[in-house]
Amino acid sequence: MNAIEIGQVASKVNLSQATIYRMIVEGAFPRPFPFGVGGTAWSEGDIDAWLQARKDEQPAPAPTRASRADHGNAIEAVSPVIDQSISVDAIAERLFAQFEARMQRTVPFEHALWSTKEIGE
């Protein structure tokens, strides 16, 4: 039996140490055993068995790509909401105004790379 430490375990299973410890608490990962003075380790065989069990699980079916007709139906469903007469510049101005409002600023970003006036031009 080979004993491996957390860094080796994390590398072997390609998970972070924090994720491994969270999974141990949830009962979804093998528990370590005391090893050395104040340390812990895992049996490499336990980790290999855990990996094999994950490999043997049936993967979830891959999502299917929507057909072009499906995309067309989705666009038609939301098209009444879309005002197609608005220009790209007007949309950019509205987005920037919302951004400024969310940043709780009352003055335009004159010190930025652009100003709100430049976006509209």
N, C-alpha and C. Protein backbone atom coordinates (compact mmCIF):
# COMPACT_ATOMS: atom_id res chain seq x y z
N MET A 1 0.85 -1.17 0.00
CA MET A 1 0.00 0.00 0.00
C MET A 1 0.90 1.24 0.00
N ASN A 2 0.61 2.15 -0.90
CA ASN A 2 1.32 3.43 -0.94
C ASN A 2 0.48 4.48 -0.24
N ALA A 3 1.10 5.25 0.63
CA ALA A 3 0.43 6.36 1.29
C ALA A 3 0.80 7.64 0.57
N ILE A 4 -0.22 8.43 0.22
CA ILE A 4 0.03 9.69 -0.49
C ILE A 4 -0.59 10.83 0.29
N GLU A 5 0.05 11.98 0.22
CA GLU A 5 -0.40 13.17 0.94
C GLU A 5 -1.36 13.98 0.10
N ILE A 6 -1.96 14.98 0.72
CA ILE A 6 -3.02 15.78 0.09
C ILE A 6 -2.59 16.40 -1.24
N GLY A 7 -1.36 16.89 -1.34
CA GLY A 7 -0.91 17.49 -2.59
C GLY A 7 -0.89 16.48 -3.73
N GLN A 8 -0.45 15.28 -3.41
CA GLN A 8 -0.42 14.22 -4.43
C GLN A 8 -1.84 13.78 -4.79
N VAL A 9 -2.70 13.71 -3.77
CA VAL A 9 -4.10 13.34 -4.02
C VAL A 9 -4.75 14.38 -4.94
N ALA A 10 -4.57 15.65 -4.61
CA ALA A 10 -5.17 16.73 -5.40
C ALA A 10 -4.69 16.67 -6.84
N SER A 11 -3.41 16.43 -7.03
CA SER A 11 -2.85 16.34 -8.37
C SER A 11 -3.41 15.13 -9.12
N LYS A 12 -3.53 14.01 -8.42
CA LYS A 12 -3.99 12.77 -9.04
C LYS A 12 -5.44 12.86 -9.49
N VAL A 13 -6.30 13.49 -8.68
CA VAL A 13 -7.73 13.55 -9.01
C VAL A 13 -8.11 14.86 -9.68
N ASN A 14 -7.16 15.78 -9.82
CA ASN A 14 -7.38 17.06 -10.48
C ASN A 14 -8.49 17.88 -9.80
N LEU A 15 -8.43 17.90 -8.46
CA LEU A 15 -9.33 18.72 -7.66
C LEU A 15 -8.50 19.55 -6.70
N SER A 16 -9.04 20.67 -6.26
CA SER A 16 -8.31 21.47 -5.27
C SER A 16 -8.39 20.78 -3.92
N GLN A 17 -7.47 21.15 -3.05
CA GLN A 17 -7.47 20.58 -1.71
C GLN A 17 -8.75 20.94 -0.97
N ALA A 18 -9.21 22.17 -1.14
CA ALA A 18 -10.44 22.60 -0.49
C ALA A 18 -11.63 21.76 -0.96
N THR A 19 -11.69 21.46 -2.24
CA THR A 19 -12.78 20.64 -2.78
C THR A 19 -12.71 19.23 -2.21
N ILE A 20 -11.51 18.70 -2.11
CA ILE A 20 -11.35 17.35 -1.55
C ILE A 20 -11.86 17.32 -0.12
N TYR A 21 -11.45 18.28 0.70
CA TYR A 21 -11.90 18.30 2.10
C TYR A 21 -13.42 18.49 2.19
N ARG A 22 -13.98 19.32 1.32
CA ARG A 22 -15.44 19.51 1.32
C ARG A 22 -16.13 18.20 0.96
N MET A 23 -15.59 17.49 -0.02
CA MET A 23 -16.18 16.22 -0.43
C MET A 23 -16.06 15.16 0.66
N ILE A 24 -14.99 15.20 1.44
CA ILE A 24 -14.84 14.27 2.56
C ILE A 24 -15.96 14.51 3.58
N VAL A 25 -16.21 15.78 3.89
CA VAL A 25 -17.27 16.12 4.85
C VAL A 25 -18.62 15.65 4.33
N GLU A 26 -18.83 15.76 3.01
CA GLU A 26 -20.09 15.34 2.39
C GLU A 26 -20.18 13.83 2.23
N GLY A 27 -19.08 13.12 2.50
CA GLY A 27 -19.08 11.66 2.34
C GLY A 27 -18.88 11.21 0.91
N ALA A 28 -18.39 12.10 0.07
CA ALA A 28 -18.23 11.79 -1.36
C ALA A 28 -16.79 11.50 -1.76
N PHE A 29 -15.88 11.43 -0.78
CA PHE A 29 -14.47 11.19 -1.09
C PHE A 29 -13.88 10.36 0.05
N PRO A 30 -12.93 9.47 -0.26
CA PRO A 30 -12.32 8.65 0.79
C PRO A 30 -11.68 9.50 1.89
N ARG A 31 -11.82 9.03 3.12
CA ARG A 31 -11.23 9.72 4.28
C ARG A 31 -9.75 9.35 4.40
N PRO A 32 -8.95 10.30 4.86
CA PRO A 32 -7.53 9.98 5.10
C PRO A 32 -7.37 9.22 6.41
N PHE A 33 -6.19 8.70 6.61
CA PHE A 33 -5.87 8.02 7.87
C PHE A 33 -4.69 8.74 8.52
N PRO A 34 -4.55 8.63 9.84
CA PRO A 34 -3.42 9.28 10.51
C PRO A 34 -2.10 8.72 9.97
N PHE A 35 -1.16 9.62 9.74
CA PHE A 35 0.12 9.20 9.16
C PHE A 35 1.21 10.11 9.71
N GLY A 36 2.16 9.54 10.37
CA GLY A 36 3.24 10.33 10.95
C GLY A 36 2.75 11.12 12.15
N VAL A 37 3.51 12.13 12.49
CA VAL A 37 3.17 12.95 13.65
C VAL A 37 2.25 14.08 13.21
N GLY A 38 0.98 13.96 13.57
CA GLY A 38 0.01 15.01 13.26
C GLY A 38 -0.37 15.11 11.79
N GLY A 39 0.04 14.16 10.98
CA GLY A 39 -0.27 14.22 9.55
C GLY A 39 -1.34 13.22 9.17
N THR A 40 -1.81 13.33 7.95
CA THR A 40 -2.75 12.38 7.39
C THR A 40 -2.30 12.00 6.00
N ALA A 41 -2.79 10.88 5.53
CA ALA A 41 -2.46 10.42 4.18
C ALA A 41 -3.63 9.57 3.69
N TRP A 42 -3.62 9.29 2.42
CA TRP A 42 -4.61 8.44 1.80
C TRP A 42 -3.93 7.21 1.24
N SER A 43 -4.66 6.13 1.18
CA SER A 43 -4.17 4.94 0.50
C SER A 43 -4.33 5.19 -0.99
N GLU A 44 -3.25 5.01 -1.72
CA GLU A 44 -3.32 5.23 -3.17
C GLU A 44 -4.34 4.30 -3.80
N GLY A 45 -4.49 3.10 -3.22
CA GLY A 45 -5.49 2.16 -3.72
C GLY A 45 -6.91 2.69 -3.55
N ASP A 46 -7.17 3.35 -2.41
CA ASP A 46 -8.49 3.95 -2.19
C ASP A 46 -8.78 5.04 -3.22
N ILE A 47 -7.77 5.84 -3.51
CA ILE A 47 -7.94 6.93 -4.49
C ILE A 47 -8.15 6.35 -5.88
N ASP A 48 -7.37 5.31 -6.22
CA ASP A 48 -7.54 4.67 -7.53
C ASP A 48 -8.94 4.06 -7.66
N ALA A 49 -9.43 3.44 -6.58
CA ALA A 49 -10.77 2.86 -6.60
C ALA A 49 -11.83 3.95 -6.76
N TRP A 50 -11.64 5.08 -6.09
CA TRP A 50 -12.58 6.20 -6.21
C TRP A 50 -12.60 6.71 -7.64
N LEU A 51 -11.41 6.86 -8.24
CA LEU A 51 -11.34 7.31 -9.64
C LEU A 51 -12.03 6.32 -10.57
N GLN A 52 -11.81 5.03 -10.35
CA GLN A 52 -12.43 4.00 -11.19
C GLN A 52 -13.95 4.05 -11.07
N ALA A 53 -14.44 4.27 -9.85
CA ALA A 53 -15.89 4.36 -9.66
C ALA A 53 -16.46 5.55 -10.42
N ARG A 54 -15.75 6.69 -10.43
CA ARG A 54 -16.20 7.86 -11.20
C ARG A 54 -16.20 7.54 -12.69
N LYS A 55 -15.18 6.81 -13.12
CA LYS A 55 -15.07 6.47 -14.54
C LYS A 55 -16.20 5.54 -14.96
N ASP A 56 -16.59 4.61 -14.06
CA ASP A 56 -17.62 3.64 -14.38
C ASP A 56 -19.02 4.21 -14.36
N GLU A 57 -19.19 5.36 -13.71
CA GLU A 57 -20.51 5.99 -13.69
C GLU A 57 -20.92 6.38 -15.10
N GLN A 58 -22.20 6.28 -15.37
CA GLN A 58 -22.69 6.68 -16.68
C GLN A 58 -22.65 8.20 -16.77
N PRO A 59 -22.04 8.74 -17.78
CA PRO A 59 -22.04 10.20 -17.93
C PRO A 59 -23.44 10.69 -18.29
N ALA A 60 -23.72 11.89 -17.89
CA ALA A 60 -24.99 12.51 -18.26
C ALA A 60 -25.03 12.70 -19.76
N PRO A 61 -26.18 12.55 -20.35
CA PRO A 61 -26.25 12.73 -21.80
C PRO A 61 -25.83 14.14 -22.20
N ALA A 62 -25.10 14.21 -23.28
CA ALA A 62 -24.62 15.50 -23.77
C ALA A 62 -25.81 16.31 -24.26
N PRO A 63 -25.79 17.61 -23.99
CA PRO A 63 -26.90 18.43 -24.49
C PRO A 63 -26.90 18.44 -26.01
N THR A 64 -28.08 18.44 -26.56
CA THR A 64 -28.19 18.47 -28.01
C THR A 64 -28.20 19.91 -28.49
N ARG A 65 -27.71 20.09 -29.67
CA ARG A 65 -27.72 21.43 -30.24
C ARG A 65 -29.10 21.73 -30.78
N ALA A 66 -29.55 22.91 -30.55
CA ALA A 66 -30.87 23.31 -31.06
C ALA A 66 -30.75 23.55 -32.56
N SER A 67 -31.79 23.21 -33.26
CA SER A 67 -31.80 23.43 -34.70
C SER A 67 -32.00 24.91 -35.00
N ARG A 68 -31.73 25.28 -36.21
CA ARG A 68 -31.94 26.67 -36.61
C ARG A 68 -33.41 27.06 -36.45
N ALA A 69 -34.29 26.12 -36.68
CA ALA A 69 -35.73 26.41 -36.53
C ALA A 69 -36.04 26.74 -35.07
N ASP A 70 -35.41 26.01 -34.14
CA ASP A 70 -35.63 26.29 -32.73
C ASP A 70 -35.16 27.70 -32.39
N HIS A 71 -34.00 28.09 -32.94
CA HIS A 71 -33.50 29.44 -32.69
C HIS A 71 -34.47 30.48 -33.25
N GLY A 72 -34.99 30.21 -34.43
CA GLY A 72 -35.95 31.13 -35.03
C GLY A 72 -37.19 31.29 -34.18
N ASN A 73 -37.68 30.18 -33.62
CA ASN A 73 -38.87 30.24 -32.76
C ASN A 73 -38.58 31.06 -31.51
N ALA A 74 -37.40 30.92 -30.97
CA ALA A 74 -37.04 31.67 -29.76
C ALA A 74 -36.98 33.15 -30.06
N ILE A 75 -36.42 33.50 -31.22
CA ILE A 75 -36.33 34.91 -31.60
C ILE A 75 -37.72 35.48 -31.82
N GLU A 76 -38.59 34.71 -32.48
CA GLU A 76 -39.95 35.18 -32.70
C GLU A 76 -40.68 35.37 -31.38
N ALA A 77 -40.38 34.52 -30.40
CA ALA A 77 -41.07 34.62 -29.11
C ALA A 77 -40.71 35.90 -28.37
N VAL A 78 -39.48 36.38 -28.52
CA VAL A 78 -39.07 37.59 -27.81
C VAL A 78 -39.09 38.83 -28.69
N SER A 79 -39.33 38.68 -29.97
CA SER A 79 -39.26 39.83 -30.86
C SER A 79 -40.24 40.95 -30.52
N PRO A 80 -41.41 40.67 -29.95
CA PRO A 80 -42.26 41.80 -29.57
C PRO A 80 -41.61 42.66 -28.48
N VAL A 81 -40.71 42.07 -27.71
CA VAL A 81 -40.05 42.80 -26.64
C VAL A 81 -38.94 43.69 -27.19
N ILE A 82 -38.35 43.29 -28.30
CA ILE A 82 -37.20 43.99 -28.87
C ILE A 82 -37.69 45.16 -29.73
N ASP A 83 -37.22 46.34 -29.41
CA ASP A 83 -37.54 47.51 -30.21
C ASP A 83 -36.42 47.65 -31.25
N GLN A 84 -36.69 47.24 -32.47
CA GLN A 84 -35.67 47.20 -33.50
C GLN A 84 -35.35 48.58 -34.08
N SER A 85 -36.07 49.62 -33.64
CA SER A 85 -35.80 50.95 -34.16
C SER A 85 -34.71 51.66 -33.37
N ILE A 86 -34.25 51.06 -32.27
CA ILE A 86 -33.21 51.69 -31.46
C ILE A 86 -31.85 51.43 -32.09
N SER A 87 -31.04 52.46 -32.18
CA SER A 87 -29.72 52.31 -32.77
C SER A 87 -28.75 51.68 -31.78
N VAL A 88 -27.67 51.17 -32.30
CA VAL A 88 -26.63 50.59 -31.46
C VAL A 88 -26.05 51.65 -30.53
N ASP A 89 -25.90 52.85 -31.02
CA ASP A 89 -25.38 53.93 -30.19
C ASP A 89 -26.31 54.22 -29.01
N ALA A 90 -27.60 54.19 -29.27
CA ALA A 90 -28.56 54.44 -28.19
C ALA A 90 -28.51 53.33 -27.15
N ILE A 91 -28.35 52.11 -27.61
CA ILE A 91 -28.24 50.98 -26.69
C ILE A 91 -26.98 51.12 -25.84
N ALA A 92 -25.86 51.48 -26.48
CA ALA A 92 -24.60 51.66 -25.75
C ALA A 92 -24.74 52.76 -24.71
N GLU A 93 -25.41 53.85 -25.07
CA GLU A 93 -25.61 54.95 -24.13
C GLU A 93 -26.44 54.50 -22.94
N ARG A 94 -27.50 53.74 -23.20
CA ARG A 94 -28.34 53.25 -22.11
C ARG A 94 -27.56 52.30 -21.19
N LEU A 95 -26.79 51.40 -21.78
CA LEU A 95 -26.00 50.47 -20.99
C LEU A 95 -24.99 51.20 -20.12
N PHE A 96 -24.35 52.19 -20.70
CA PHE A 96 -23.36 52.94 -19.93
C PHE A 96 -24.03 53.73 -18.82
N ALA A 97 -25.21 54.27 -19.08
CA ALA A 97 -25.94 55.00 -18.04
C ALA A 97 -26.32 54.06 -16.89
N GLN A 98 -26.73 52.85 -17.23
CA GLN A 98 -27.06 51.87 -16.19
C GLN A 98 -25.81 51.50 -15.40
N PHE A 99 -24.70 51.35 -16.11
CA PHE A 99 -23.43 51.05 -15.43
C PHE A 99 -23.07 52.15 -14.46
N GLU A 100 -23.17 53.39 -14.91
CA GLU A 100 -22.86 54.52 -14.03
C GLU A 100 -23.78 54.54 -12.82
N ALA A 101 -25.05 54.26 -13.04
CA ALA A 101 -26.00 54.26 -11.92
C ALA A 101 -25.65 53.17 -10.92
N ARG A 102 -25.25 52.02 -11.42
CA ARG A 102 -24.89 50.92 -10.53
C ARG A 102 -23.61 51.22 -9.77
N MET A 103 -22.76 52.00 -10.34
CA MET A 103 -21.52 52.38 -9.65
C MET A 103 -21.80 53.54 -8.69
N GLN A 104 -23.06 53.99 -8.65
CA GLN A 104 -23.51 55.05 -7.77
C GLN A 104 -22.74 56.34 -7.98
N ARG A 105 -22.52 56.65 -9.20
CA ARG A 105 -21.84 57.90 -9.54
C ARG A 105 -22.87 58.85 -10.12
N THR A 106 -22.75 60.09 -9.78
CA THR A 106 -23.69 61.07 -10.31
C THR A 106 -23.08 61.88 -11.44
N VAL A 107 -21.78 61.76 -11.64
CA VAL A 107 -21.12 62.48 -12.72
C VAL A 107 -20.58 61.48 -13.72
N PRO A 108 -20.52 61.84 -14.98
CA PRO A 108 -19.99 60.92 -15.99
C PRO A 108 -18.52 60.61 -15.72
N PHE A 109 -18.07 59.52 -16.27
CA PHE A 109 -16.67 59.12 -16.16
C PHE A 109 -15.82 59.96 -17.10
N GLU A 110 -15.56 61.19 -16.78
CA GLU A 110 -14.75 62.04 -17.63
C GLU A 110 -13.28 61.63 -17.58
N HIS A 111 -12.88 60.98 -16.51
CA HIS A 111 -11.48 60.59 -16.38
C HIS A 111 -11.20 59.22 -17.00
N ALA A 112 -12.24 58.57 -17.51
CA ALA A 112 -12.07 57.26 -18.11
C ALA A 112 -11.52 57.40 -19.52
N LEU A 113 -11.36 56.28 -20.19
CA LEU A 113 -10.85 56.30 -21.56
C LEU A 113 -11.83 56.95 -22.53
N TRP A 114 -13.09 57.00 -22.13
CA TRP A 114 -14.10 57.64 -22.96
C TRP A 114 -15.11 58.30 -22.03
N SER A 115 -15.90 59.18 -22.59
CA SER A 115 -16.97 59.78 -21.81
C SER A 115 -18.31 59.31 -22.38
N THR A 116 -19.36 59.56 -21.67
CA THR A 116 -20.67 59.16 -22.16
C THR A 116 -21.03 59.90 -23.43
N LYS A 117 -20.51 61.11 -23.59
CA LYS A 117 -20.77 61.87 -24.81
C LYS A 117 -20.09 61.23 -26.01
N GLU A 118 -18.88 60.72 -25.81
CA GLU A 118 -18.15 60.09 -26.91
C GLU A 118 -18.80 58.79 -27.35
N ILE A 119 -19.44 58.06 -26.44
CA ILE A 119 -20.07 56.79 -26.80
C ILE A 119 -21.22 57.04 -27.76
N GLY A 120 -21.97 58.13 -27.55
CA GLY A 120 -23.11 58.42 -28.40
C GLY A 120 -22.75 58.93 -29.79
N GLU A 121 -21.51 59.36 -29.98
CA GLU A 121 -21.13 59.92 -31.28
C GLU A 121 -20.74 58.86 -32.28
